[in-house]
Amino acid sequence: MTNDRLTAILAERVMGWRVSGDRFLMGDRRWAPRWRFQPVKKIGDAMRLLEKAAPETCAMDSDENGIFHVRVRLAGKTGKAHEKSKSRAISYAIARALGLEPDNEPNGDKVDGI
């Protein structure tokens, strides 16, 4: 499964949007093209997702190798991720807290367990 599919699931479950073809329906007759919201690739979108998720706890740091470590707790469940990309680490940690299991493929394009 692609990161595009993961993004669609996160948009529905966290942002409260509906997915319709190539766009997200955001309510109040508003919509955005799917390419515009990419939390796995864009840090601004990942932070927006994190803010909307409103985790009970959230911890982020990085190590000397440039790997970002993110841990979030949502509704009593913890999700962790360790990635070179901060936006991917945030998105994957949120996904794992929701019971999804993104695959850590080197190219970041595959996601399992969804």
PDB file of N, CA and C in Angstrom:
ATOM      1  N   MET A   1       0.848  -1.181   0.000  1.00  0.00           N
ATOM      2  CA  MET A   1       0.000   0.000   0.000  1.00  0.00           C
ATOM      3  C   MET A   1       0.893   1.245   0.000  1.00  0.00           C
ATOM      4  N   THR A   2       0.493   2.251  -0.690  1.00  0.00           N
ATOM      5  CA  THR A   2       1.312   3.452  -0.848  1.00  0.00           C
ATOM      6  C   THR A   2       1.099   4.446   0.297  1.00  0.00           C
ATOM      7  N   ASN A   3       2.021   5.396   0.377  1.00  0.00           N
ATOM      8  CA  ASN A   3       1.865   6.475   1.349  1.00  0.00           C
ATOM      9  C   ASN A   3       0.636   7.312   1.027  1.00  0.00           C
ATOM     10  N   ASP A   4       0.235   7.341  -0.241  1.00  0.00           N
ATOM     11  CA  ASP A   4      -0.978   8.054  -0.628  1.00  0.00           C
ATOM     12  C   ASP A   4      -2.198   7.447   0.074  1.00  0.00           C
ATOM     13  N   ARG A   5      -2.232   6.127   0.153  1.00  0.00           N
ATOM     14  CA  ARG A   5      -3.335   5.441   0.845  1.00  0.00           C
ATOM     15  C   ARG A   5      -3.286   5.725   2.340  1.00  0.00           C
ATOM     16  N   LEU A   6      -2.077   5.705   2.925  1.00  0.00           N
ATOM     17  CA  LEU A   6      -1.931   6.031   4.344  1.00  0.00           C
ATOM     18  C   LEU A   6      -2.423   7.450   4.605  1.00  0.00           C
ATOM     19  N   THR A   7      -2.049   8.373   3.737  1.00  0.00           N
ATOM     20  CA  THR A   7      -2.487   9.764   3.890  1.00  0.00           C
ATOM     21  C   THR A   7      -4.005   9.864   3.848  1.00  0.00           C
ATOM     22  N   ALA A   8      -4.637   9.123   2.940  1.00  0.00           N
ATOM     23  CA  ALA A   8      -6.100   9.145   2.851  1.00  0.00           C
ATOM     24  C   ALA A   8      -6.731   8.636   4.149  1.00  0.00           C
ATOM     25  N   ILE A   9      -6.178   7.571   4.704  1.00  0.00           N
ATOM     26  CA  ILE A   9      -6.726   7.027   5.959  1.00  0.00           C
ATOM     27  C   ILE A   9      -6.528   8.009   7.105  1.00  0.00           C
ATOM     28  N   LEU A  10      -5.354   8.622   7.189  1.00  0.00           N
ATOM     29  CA  LEU A  10      -5.108   9.612   8.247  1.00  0.00           C
ATOM     30  C   LEU A  10      -6.002  10.837   8.073  1.00  0.00           C
ATOM     31  N   ALA A  11      -6.227  11.245   6.829  1.00  0.00           N
ATOM     32  CA  ALA A  11      -7.116  12.384   6.574  1.00  0.00           C
ATOM     33  C   ALA A  11      -8.525  12.079   7.074  1.00  0.00           C
ATOM     34  N   GLU A  12      -8.985  10.854   6.852  1.00  0.00           N
ATOM     35  CA  GLU A  12     -10.330  10.479   7.306  1.00  0.00           C
ATOM     36  C   GLU A  12     -10.400  10.348   8.822  1.00  0.00           C
ATOM     37  N   ARG A  13      -9.470   9.589   9.388  1.00  0.00           N
ATOM     38  CA  ARG A  13      -9.541   9.272  10.821  1.00  0.00           C
ATOM     39  C   ARG A  13      -9.109  10.408  11.733  1.00  0.00           C
ATOM     40  N   VAL A  14      -8.132  11.189  11.317  1.00  0.00           N
ATOM     41  CA  VAL A  14      -7.616  12.250  12.182  1.00  0.00           C
ATOM     42  C   VAL A  14      -8.200  13.607  11.815  1.00  0.00           C
ATOM     43  N   MET A  15      -8.144  13.953  10.543  1.00  0.00           N
ATOM     44  CA  MET A  15      -8.595  15.279  10.130  1.00  0.00           C
ATOM     45  C   MET A  15     -10.118  15.372  10.024  1.00  0.00           C
ATOM     46  N   GLY A  16     -10.789  14.215   9.895  1.00  0.00           N
ATOM     47  CA  GLY A  16     -12.240  14.217   9.769  1.00  0.00           C
ATOM     48  C   GLY A  16     -12.720  14.538   8.369  1.00  0.00           C
ATOM     49  N   TRP A  17     -11.848  14.394   7.383  1.00  0.00           N
ATOM     50  CA  TRP A  17     -12.193  14.680   5.999  1.00  0.00           C
ATOM     51  C   TRP A  17     -12.695  13.422   5.315  1.00  0.00           C
ATOM     52  N   ARG A  18     -13.413  13.626   4.222  1.00  0.00           N
ATOM     53  CA  ARG A  18     -13.799  12.509   3.353  1.00  0.00           C
ATOM     54  C   ARG A  18     -12.915  12.549   2.121  1.00  0.00           C
ATOM     55  N   VAL A  19     -12.628  11.382   1.591  1.00  0.00           N
ATOM     56  CA  VAL A  19     -11.824  11.287   0.381  1.00  0.00           C
ATOM     57  C   VAL A  19     -12.754  11.019  -0.785  1.00  0.00           C
ATOM     58  N   SER A  20     -12.614  11.828  -1.813  1.00  0.00           N
ATOM     59  CA  SER A  20     -13.450  11.661  -2.997  1.00  0.00           C
ATOM     60  C   SER A  20     -12.568  11.858  -4.223  1.00  0.00           C
ATOM     61  N   GLY A  21     -12.207  10.746  -4.841  1.00  0.00           N
ATOM     62  CA  GLY A  21     -11.369  10.832  -6.038  1.00  0.00           C
ATOM     63  C   GLY A  21     -10.038  11.476  -5.754  1.00  0.00           C
ATOM     64  N   ASP A  22      -9.768  12.584  -6.408  1.00  0.00           N
ATOM     65  CA  ASP A  22      -8.486  13.259  -6.260  1.00  0.00           C
ATOM     66  C   ASP A  22      -8.541  14.448  -5.302  1.00  0.00           C
ATOM     67  N   ARG A  23      -9.506  14.425  -4.391  1.00  0.00           N
ATOM     68  CA  ARG A  23      -9.615  15.549  -3.449  1.00  0.00           C
ATOM     69  C   ARG A  23     -10.081  15.099  -2.072  1.00  0.00           C
ATOM     70  N   PHE A  24      -9.829  15.962  -1.096  1.00  0.00           N
ATOM     71  CA  PHE A  24     -10.333  15.783   0.258  1.00  0.00           C
ATOM     72  C   PHE A  24     -11.498  16.741   0.442  1.00  0.00           C
ATOM     73  N   LEU A  25     -12.618  16.220   0.909  1.00  0.00           N
ATOM     74  CA  LEU A  25     -13.772  17.049   1.219  1.00  0.00           C
ATOM     75  C   LEU A  25     -13.684  17.404   2.695  1.00  0.00           C
ATOM     76  N   MET A  26     -13.522  18.700   2.974  1.00  0.00           N
ATOM     77  CA  MET A  26     -13.192  19.159   4.315  1.00  0.00           C
ATOM     78  C   MET A  26     -14.401  19.668   5.100  1.00  0.00           C
ATOM     79  N   GLY A  27     -15.567  19.624   4.523  1.00  0.00           N
ATOM     80  CA  GLY A  27     -16.765  20.129   5.196  1.00  0.00           C
ATOM     81  C   GLY A  27     -17.029  21.577   4.843  1.00  0.00           C
ATOM     82  N   ASP A  28     -18.223  22.046   5.138  1.00  0.00           N
ATOM     83  CA  ASP A  28     -18.627  23.425   4.828  1.00  0.00           C
ATOM     84  C   ASP A  28     -18.352  23.786   3.368  1.00  0.00           C
ATOM     85  N   ARG A  29     -18.582  22.814   2.488  1.00  0.00           N
ATOM     86  CA  ARG A  29     -18.418  23.004   1.051  1.00  0.00           C
ATOM     87  C   ARG A  29     -16.988  23.360   0.655  1.00  0.00           C
ATOM     88  N   ARG A  30     -16.020  22.976   1.498  1.00  0.00           N
ATOM     89  CA  ARG A  30     -14.608  23.216   1.193  1.00  0.00           C
ATOM     90  C   ARG A  30     -13.954  21.906   0.785  1.00  0.00           C
ATOM     91  N   TRP A  31     -12.961  22.011  -0.078  1.00  0.00           N
ATOM     92  CA  TRP A  31     -12.209  20.847  -0.494  1.00  0.00           C
ATOM     93  C   TRP A  31     -10.784  21.265  -0.841  1.00  0.00           C
ATOM     94  N   ALA A  32      -9.909  20.261  -0.907  1.00  0.00           N
ATOM     95  CA  ALA A  32      -8.515  20.492  -1.292  1.00  0.00           C
ATOM     96  C   ALA A  32      -8.066  19.328  -2.156  1.00  0.00           C
ATOM     97  N   PRO A  33      -7.245  19.604  -3.167  1.00  0.00           N
ATOM     98  CA  PRO A  33      -6.716  18.502  -3.966  1.00  0.00           C
ATOM     99  C   PRO A  33      -5.824  17.618  -3.097  1.00  0.00           C
ATOM    100  N   ARG A  34      -5.807  16.329  -3.391  1.00  0.00           N
ATOM    101  CA  ARG A  34      -5.048  15.383  -2.569  1.00  0.00           C
ATOM    102  C   ARG A  34      -3.557  15.693  -2.535  1.00  0.00           C
ATOM    103  N   TRP A  35      -3.013  16.232  -3.601  1.00  0.00           N
ATOM    104  CA  TRP A  35      -1.586  16.535  -3.627  1.00  0.00           C
ATOM    105  C   TRP A  35      -1.211  17.642  -2.653  1.00  0.00           C
ATOM    106  N   ARG A  36      -2.193  18.391  -2.201  1.00  0.00           N
ATOM    107  CA  ARG A  36      -1.909  19.518  -1.337  1.00  0.00           C
ATOM    108  C   ARG A  36      -1.634  19.112   0.113  1.00  0.00           C
ATOM    109  N   PHE A  37      -2.190  17.976   0.562  1.00  0.00           N
ATOM    110  CA  PHE A  37      -1.997  17.501   1.939  1.00  0.00           C
ATOM    111  C   PHE A  37      -1.154  16.228   1.888  1.00  0.00           C
ATOM    112  N   GLN A  38       0.105  16.337   2.275  1.00  0.00           N
ATOM    113  CA  GLN A  38       1.040  15.212   2.222  1.00  0.00           C
ATOM    114  C   GLN A  38       1.858  15.140   3.521  1.00  0.00           C
ATOM    115  N   PRO A  39       1.243  14.686   4.606  1.00  0.00           N
ATOM    116  CA  PRO A  39       1.942  14.690   5.897  1.00  0.00           C
ATOM    117  C   PRO A  39       3.158  13.770   5.956  1.00  0.00           C
ATOM    118  N   VAL A  40       3.227  12.754   5.113  1.00  0.00           N
ATOM    119  CA  VAL A  40       4.386  11.861   5.113  1.00  0.00           C
ATOM    120  C   VAL A  40       5.594  12.560   4.489  1.00  0.00           C
ATOM    121  N   LYS A  41       5.355  13.553   3.644  1.00  0.00           N
ATOM    122  CA  LYS A  41       6.436  14.236   2.930  1.00  0.00           C
ATOM    123  C   LYS A  41       6.666  15.683   3.367  1.00  0.00           C
ATOM    124  N   LYS A  42       5.635  16.363   3.864  1.00  0.00           N
ATOM    125  CA  LYS A  42       5.738  17.792   4.162  1.00  0.00           C
ATOM    126  C   LYS A  42       5.567  18.039   5.666  1.00  0.00           C
ATOM    127  N   ILE A  43       6.580  18.662   6.257  1.00  0.00           N
ATOM    128  CA  ILE A  43       6.572  18.866   7.710  1.00  0.00           C
ATOM    129  C   ILE A  43       5.392  19.729   8.164  1.00  0.00           C
ATOM    130  N   GLY A  44       5.006  20.721   7.395  1.00  0.00           N
ATOM    131  CA  GLY A  44       3.862  21.550   7.770  1.00  0.00           C
ATOM    132  C   GLY A  44       2.584  20.731   7.871  1.00  0.00           C
ATOM    133  N   ASP A  45       2.387  19.826   6.932  1.00  0.00           N
ATOM    134  CA  ASP A  45       1.205  18.963   6.957  1.00  0.00           C
ATOM    135  C   ASP A  45       1.290  17.948   8.091  1.00  0.00           C
ATOM    136  N   ALA A  46       2.499  17.448   8.381  1.00  0.00           N
ATOM    137  CA  ALA A  46       2.664  16.511   9.496  1.00  0.00           C
ATOM    138  C   ALA A  46       2.343  17.198  10.817  1.00  0.00           C
ATOM    139  N   MET A  47       2.769  18.442  10.978  1.00  0.00           N
ATOM    140  CA  MET A  47       2.474  19.173  12.207  1.00  0.00           C
ATOM    141  C   MET A  47       0.977  19.473  12.320  1.00  0.00           C
ATOM    142  N   ARG A  48       0.354  19.752  11.209  1.00  0.00           N
ATOM    143  CA  ARG A  48      -1.096  19.974  11.187  1.00  0.00           C
ATOM    144  C   ARG A  48      -1.831  18.703  11.621  1.00  0.00           C
ATOM    145  N   LEU A  49      -1.374  17.556  11.121  1.00  0.00           N
ATOM    146  CA  LEU A  49      -1.944  16.266  11.503  1.00  0.00           C
ATOM    147  C   LEU A  49      -1.739  16.009  12.991  1.00  0.00           C
ATOM    148  N   LEU A  50      -0.542  16.277  13.479  1.00  0.00           N
ATOM    149  CA  LEU A  50      -0.236  16.081  14.897  1.00  0.00           C
ATOM    150  C   LEU A  50      -1.112  16.967  15.780  1.00  0.00           C
ATOM    151  N   GLU A  51      -1.271  18.214  15.388  1.00  0.00           N
ATOM    152  CA  GLU A  51      -2.110  19.136  16.157  1.00  0.00           C
ATOM    153  C   GLU A  51      -3.550  18.658  16.208  1.00  0.00           C
ATOM    154  N   LYS A  52      -4.076  18.214  15.077  1.00  0.00           N
ATOM    155  CA  LYS A  52      -5.464  17.737  15.013  1.00  0.00           C
ATOM    156  C   LYS A  52      -5.639  16.436  15.797  1.00  0.00           C
ATOM    157  N   ALA A  53      -4.604  15.585  15.807  1.00  0.00           N
ATOM    158  CA  ALA A  53      -4.672  14.325  16.551  1.00  0.00           C
ATOM    159  C   ALA A  53      -4.749  14.585  18.051  1.00  0.00           C
ATOM    160  N   ALA A  54      -4.207  15.707  18.501  1.00  0.00           N
ATOM    161  CA  ALA A  54      -4.220  16.100  19.909  1.00  0.00           C
ATOM    162  C   ALA A  54      -3.801  14.950  20.829  1.00  0.00           C
ATOM    163  N   PRO A  55      -2.552  14.495  20.698  1.00  0.00           N
ATOM    164  CA  PRO A  55      -2.110  13.362  21.507  1.00  0.00           C
ATOM    165  C   PRO A  55      -2.082  13.677  22.998  1.00  0.00           C
ATOM    166  N   GLU A  56      -2.297  12.626  23.789  1.00  0.00           N
ATOM    167  CA  GLU A  56      -2.197  12.755  25.242  1.00  0.00           C
ATOM    168  C   GLU A  56      -0.764  13.112  25.622  1.00  0.00           C
ATOM    169  N   THR A  57       0.192  12.451  24.970  1.00  0.00           N
ATOM    170  CA  THR A  57       1.602  12.779  25.136  1.00  0.00           C
ATOM    171  C   THR A  57       2.269  12.722  23.772  1.00  0.00           C
ATOM    172  N   CYS A  58       3.344  13.472  23.660  1.00  0.00           N
ATOM    173  CA  CYS A  58       4.120  13.486  22.425  1.00  0.00           C
ATOM    174  C   CYS A  58       5.564  13.801  22.785  1.00  0.00           C
ATOM    175  N   ALA A  59       6.486  13.002  22.276  1.00  0.00           N
ATOM    176  CA  ALA A  59       7.910  13.249  22.494  1.00  0.00           C
ATOM    177  C   ALA A  59       8.624  13.115  21.156  1.00  0.00           C
ATOM    178  N   MET A  60       9.501  14.074  20.861  1.00  0.00           N
ATOM    179  CA  MET A  60      10.274  14.052  19.625  1.00  0.00           C
ATOM    180  C   MET A  60      11.710  14.416  19.938  1.00  0.00           C
ATOM    181  N   ASP A  61      12.618  13.701  19.320  1.00  0.00           N
ATOM    182  CA  ASP A  61      14.020  14.073  19.381  1.00  0.00           C
ATOM    183  C   ASP A  61      14.733  13.477  18.183  1.00  0.00           C
ATOM    184  N   SER A  62      16.013  13.770  18.080  1.00  0.00           N
ATOM    185  CA  SER A  62      16.806  13.186  16.996  1.00  0.00           C
ATOM    186  C   SER A  62      18.150  12.763  17.565  1.00  0.00           C
ATOM    187  N   ASP A  63      18.791  11.830  16.891  1.00  0.00           N
ATOM    188  CA  ASP A  63      20.085  11.358  17.364  1.00  0.00           C
ATOM    189  C   ASP A  63      21.207  11.931  16.506  1.00  0.00           C
ATOM    190  N   GLU A  64      22.428  11.544  16.820  1.00  0.00           N
ATOM    191  CA  GLU A  64      23.602  12.069  16.126  1.00  0.00           C
ATOM    192  C   GLU A  64      23.668  11.638  14.663  1.00  0.00           C
ATOM    193  N   ASN A  65      22.898  10.634  14.281  1.00  0.00           N
ATOM    194  CA  ASN A  65      22.859  10.169  12.890  1.00  0.00           C
ATOM    195  C   ASN A  65      21.769  10.839  12.066  1.00  0.00           C
ATOM    196  N   GLY A  66      21.043  11.779  12.666  1.00  0.00           N
ATOM    197  CA  GLY A  66      19.986  12.475  11.954  1.00  0.00           C
ATOM    198  C   GLY A  66      18.684  11.703  11.871  1.00  0.00           C
ATOM    199  N   ILE A  67      18.509  10.703  12.722  1.00  0.00           N
ATOM    200  CA  ILE A  67      17.272   9.929  12.763  1.00  0.00           C
ATOM    201  C   ILE A  67      16.327  10.600  13.763  1.00  0.00           C
ATOM    202  N   PHE A  68      15.105  10.857  13.328  1.00  0.00           N
ATOM    203  CA  PHE A  68      14.096  11.460  14.205  1.00  0.00           C
ATOM    204  C   PHE A  68      13.329  10.357  14.916  1.00  0.00           C
ATOM    205  N   HIS A  69      13.135  10.539  16.207  1.00  0.00           N
ATOM    206  CA  HIS A  69      12.398   9.591  17.047  1.00  0.00           C
ATOM    207  C   HIS A  69      11.143  10.295  17.538  1.00  0.00           C
ATOM    208  N   VAL A  70       9.995   9.717  17.252  1.00  0.00           N
ATOM    209  CA  VAL A  70       8.714  10.310  17.647  1.00  0.00           C
ATOM    210  C   VAL A  70       7.901   9.259  18.389  1.00  0.00           C
ATOM    211  N   ARG A  71       7.291   9.676  19.491  1.00  0.00           N
ATOM    212  CA  ARG A  71       6.397   8.802  20.248  1.00  0.00           C
ATOM    213  C   ARG A  71       5.152   9.614  20.590  1.00  0.00           C
ATOM    214  N   VAL A  72       3.983   9.102  20.217  1.00  0.00           N
ATOM    215  CA  VAL A  72       2.713   9.764  20.536  1.00  0.00           C
ATOM    216  C   VAL A  72       1.786   8.764  21.220  1.00  0.00           C
ATOM    217  N   ARG A  73       0.924   9.282  22.066  1.00  0.00           N
ATOM    218  CA  ARG A  73      -0.077   8.458  22.732  1.00  0.00           C
ATOM    219  C   ARG A  73      -1.449   9.041  22.417  1.00  0.00           C
ATOM    220  N   LEU A  74      -2.280   8.221  21.740  1.00  0.00           N
ATOM    221  CA  LEU A  74      -3.626   8.627  21.347  1.00  0.00           C
ATOM    222  C   LEU A  74      -4.626   7.623  21.920  1.00  0.00           C
ATOM    223  N   ALA A  75      -5.591   8.098  22.638  1.00  0.00           N
ATOM    224  CA  ALA A  75      -6.645   7.246  23.189  1.00  0.00           C
ATOM    225  C   ALA A  75      -6.067   6.022  23.905  1.00  0.00           C
ATOM    226  N   GLY A  76      -5.002   6.234  24.658  1.00  0.00           N
ATOM    227  CA  GLY A  76      -4.407   5.163  25.441  1.00  0.00           C
ATOM    228  C   GLY A  76      -3.476   4.239  24.692  1.00  0.00           C
ATOM    229  N   LYS A  77      -3.252   4.489  23.405  1.00  0.00           N
ATOM    230  CA  LYS A  77      -2.363   3.632  22.613  1.00  0.00           C
ATOM    231  C   LYS A  77      -1.155   4.444  22.147  1.00  0.00           C
ATOM    232  N   THR A  78       0.009   3.816  22.227  1.00  0.00           N
ATOM    233  CA  THR A  78       1.251   4.497  21.877  1.00  0.00           C
ATOM    234  C   THR A  78       1.733   4.076  20.496  1.00  0.00           C
ATOM    235  N   GLY A  79       2.179   5.050  19.733  1.00  0.00           N
ATOM    236  CA  GLY A  79       2.789   4.800  18.436  1.00  0.00           C
ATOM    237  C   GLY A  79       4.183   5.407  18.418  1.00  0.00           C
ATOM    238  N   LYS A  80       5.137   4.665  17.888  1.00  0.00           N
ATOM    239  CA  LYS A  80       6.527   5.133  17.810  1.00  0.00           C
ATOM    240  C   LYS A  80       7.028   5.010  16.379  1.00  0.00           C
ATOM    241  N   ALA A  81       7.959   5.892  16.025  1.00  0.00           N
ATOM    242  CA  ALA A  81       8.601   5.816  14.710  1.00  0.00           C
ATOM    243  C   ALA A  81      10.004   6.388  14.798  1.00  0.00           C
ATOM    244  N   HIS A  82      10.902   5.834  14.008  1.00  0.00           N
ATOM    245  CA  HIS A  82      12.290   6.273  13.918  1.00  0.00           C
ATOM    246  C   HIS A  82      12.616   6.371  12.431  1.00  0.00           C
ATOM    247  N   GLU A  83      12.744   7.586  11.932  1.00  0.00           N
ATOM    248  CA  GLU A  83      12.910   7.818  10.493  1.00  0.00           C
ATOM    249  C   GLU A  83      13.892   8.949  10.238  1.00  0.00           C
ATOM    250  N   LYS A  84      14.495   8.957   9.052  1.00  0.00           N
ATOM    251  CA  LYS A  84      15.353  10.078   8.644  1.00  0.00           C
ATOM    252  C   LYS A  84      14.527  11.338   8.368  1.00  0.00           C
ATOM    253  N   SER A  85      13.288  11.149   7.971  1.00  0.00           N
ATOM    254  CA  SER A  85      12.391  12.269   7.684  1.00  0.00           C
ATOM    255  C   SER A  85      11.520  12.562   8.908  1.00  0.00           C
ATOM    256  N   LYS A  86      11.547  13.804   9.372  1.00  0.00           N
ATOM    257  CA  LYS A  86      10.736  14.176  10.531  1.00  0.00           C
ATOM    258  C   LYS A  86       9.248  14.040  10.219  1.00  0.00           C
ATOM    259  N   SER A  87       8.835  14.454   9.034  1.00  0.00           N
ATOM    260  CA  SER A  87       7.411  14.371   8.682  1.00  0.00           C
ATOM    261  C   SER A  87       6.959  12.912   8.614  1.00  0.00           C
ATOM    262  N   ARG A  88       7.791  12.037   8.069  1.00  0.00           N
ATOM    263  CA  ARG A  88       7.449  10.620   8.012  1.00  0.00           C
ATOM    264  C   ARG A  88       7.379  10.031   9.421  1.00  0.00           C
ATOM    265  N   ALA A  89       8.317  10.393  10.296  1.00  0.00           N
ATOM    266  CA  ALA A  89       8.317   9.884  11.665  1.00  0.00           C
ATOM    267  C   ALA A  89       7.042  10.288  12.395  1.00  0.00           C
ATOM    268  N   ILE A  90       6.624  11.526  12.237  1.00  0.00           N
ATOM    269  CA  ILE A  90       5.392  11.992  12.889  1.00  0.00           C
ATOM    270  C   ILE A  90       4.187  11.235  12.338  1.00  0.00           C
ATOM    271  N   SER A  91       4.075  11.158  11.031  1.00  0.00           N
ATOM    272  CA  SER A  91       2.932  10.481  10.401  1.00  0.00           C
ATOM    273  C   SER A  91       2.877   9.006  10.769  1.00  0.00           C
ATOM    274  N   TYR A  92       4.028   8.327  10.743  1.00  0.00           N
ATOM    275  CA  TYR A  92       4.062   6.902  11.065  1.00  0.00           C
ATOM    276  C   TYR A  92       3.739   6.653  12.533  1.00  0.00           C
ATOM    277  N   ALA A  93       4.220   7.515  13.427  1.00  0.00           N
ATOM    278  CA  ALA A  93       3.906   7.347  14.850  1.00  0.00           C
ATOM    279  C   ALA A  93       2.404   7.496  15.095  1.00  0.00           C
ATOM    280  N   ILE A  94       1.786   8.469  14.454  1.00  0.00           N
ATOM    281  CA  ILE A  94       0.337   8.648  14.585  1.00  0.00           C
ATOM    282  C   ILE A  94      -0.383   7.426  14.023  1.00  0.00           C
ATOM    283  N   ALA A  95       0.043   6.959  12.859  1.00  0.00           N
ATOM    284  CA  ALA A  95      -0.579   5.780  12.247  1.00  0.00           C
ATOM    285  C   ALA A  95      -0.488   4.578  13.183  1.00  0.00           C
ATOM    286  N   ARG A  96       0.678   4.359  13.772  1.00  0.00           N
ATOM    287  CA  ARG A  96       0.847   3.217  14.673  1.00  0.00           C
ATOM    288  C   ARG A  96      -0.014   3.350  15.926  1.00  0.00           C
ATOM    289  N   ALA A  97      -0.174   4.558  16.434  1.00  0.00           N
ATOM    290  CA  ALA A  97      -1.051   4.762  17.587  1.00  0.00           C
ATOM    291  C   ALA A  97      -2.504   4.448  17.233  1.00  0.00           C
ATOM    292  N   LEU A  98      -2.841   4.561  15.953  1.00  0.00           N
ATOM    293  CA  LEU A  98      -4.192   4.248  15.484  1.00  0.00           C
ATOM    294  C   LEU A  98      -4.339   2.769  15.104  1.00  0.00           C
ATOM    295  N   GLY A  99      -3.270   1.997  15.285  1.00  0.00           N
ATOM    296  CA  GLY A  99      -3.329   0.569  14.975  1.00  0.00           C
ATOM    297  C   GLY A  99      -2.934   0.216  13.557  1.00  0.00           C
ATOM    298  N   LEU A 100      -2.388   1.160  12.808  1.00  0.00           N
ATOM    299  CA  LEU A 100      -1.908   0.913  11.450  1.00  0.00           C
ATOM    300  C   LEU A 100      -0.418   0.618  11.513  1.00  0.00           C
ATOM    301  N   GLU A 101       0.082  -0.141  10.569  1.00  0.00           N
ATOM    302  CA  GLU A 101       1.507  -0.473  10.573  1.00  0.00           C
ATOM    303  C   GLU A 101       2.173  -0.105   9.257  1.00  0.00           C
ATOM    304  N   PRO A 102       2.700   1.113   9.161  1.00  0.00           N
ATOM    305  CA  PRO A 102       3.442   1.496   7.956  1.00  0.00           C
ATOM    306  C   PRO A 102       4.712   0.661   7.846  1.00  0.00           C
ATOM    307  N   ASP A 103       5.055   0.327   6.638  1.00  0.00           N
ATOM    308  CA  ASP A 103       6.261  -0.441   6.369  1.00  0.00           C
ATOM    309  C   ASP A 103       7.423   0.526   6.192  1.00  0.00           C
ATOM    310  N   ASN A 104       8.559   0.242   6.796  1.00  0.00           N
ATOM    311  CA  ASN A 104       9.726   1.115   6.689  1.00  0.00           C
ATOM    312  C   ASN A 104      10.556   0.783   5.462  1.00  0.00           C
ATOM    313  N   GLU A 105       9.977   0.900   4.297  1.00  0.00           N
ATOM    314  CA  GLU A 105      10.697   0.677   3.055  1.00  0.00           C
ATOM    315  C   GLU A 105      11.685   1.820   2.855  1.00  0.00           C
ATOM    316  N   PRO A 106      12.852   1.573   2.277  1.00  0.00           N
ATOM    317  CA  PRO A 106      13.828   2.635   2.054  1.00  0.00           C
ATOM    318  C   PRO A 106      13.281   3.799   1.254  1.00  0.00           C
ATOM    319  N   ASN A 107      12.395   3.532   0.303  1.00  0.00           N
ATOM    320  CA  ASN A 107      11.845   4.625  -0.502  1.00  0.00           C
ATOM    321  C   ASN A 107      10.618   5.253   0.140  1.00  0.00           C
ATOM    322  N   GLY A 108      10.135   4.673   1.223  1.00  0.00           N
ATOM    323  CA  GLY A 108       9.012   5.234   1.948  1.00  0.00           C
ATOM    324  C   GLY A 108       7.691   5.184   1.217  1.00  0.00           C
ATOM    325  N   ASP A 109       7.575   4.370   0.162  1.00  0.00           N
ATOM    326  CA  ASP A 109       6.347   4.361  -0.620  1.00  0.00           C
ATOM    327  C   ASP A 109       5.378   3.251  -0.258  1.00  0.00           C
ATOM    328  N   LYS A 110       5.802   2.267   0.492  1.00  0.00           N
ATOM    329  CA  LYS A 110       4.909   1.153   0.812  1.00  0.00           C
ATOM    330  C   LYS A 110       4.456   1.232   2.256  1.00  0.00           C
ATOM    331  N   VAL A 111       3.215   0.825   2.478  1.00  0.00           N
ATOM    332  CA  VAL A 111       2.644   0.804   3.823  1.00  0.00           C
ATOM    333  C   VAL A 111       1.887  -0.503   3.966  1.00  0.00           C
ATOM    334  N   ASP A 112       2.157  -1.241   5.024  1.00  0.00           N
ATOM    335  CA  ASP A 112       1.480  -2.519   5.266  1.00  0.00           C
ATOM    336  C   ASP A 112       0.475  -2.380   6.397  1.00  0.00           C
ATOM    337  N   GLY A 113      -0.416  -3.333   6.500  1.00  0.00           N
ATOM    338  CA  GLY A 113      -1.318  -3.437   7.629  1.00  0.00           C
ATOM    339  C   GLY A 113      -2.481  -2.470   7.605  1.00  0.00           C
ATOM    340  N   ILE A 114      -2.806  -1.935   6.455  1.00  0.00           N
ATOM    341  CA  ILE A 114      -3.907  -0.978   6.392  1.00  0.00           C
ATOM    342  C   ILE A 114      -5.024  -1.570   5.580  1.00  0.00           C
TER     343      ILE A 114
END
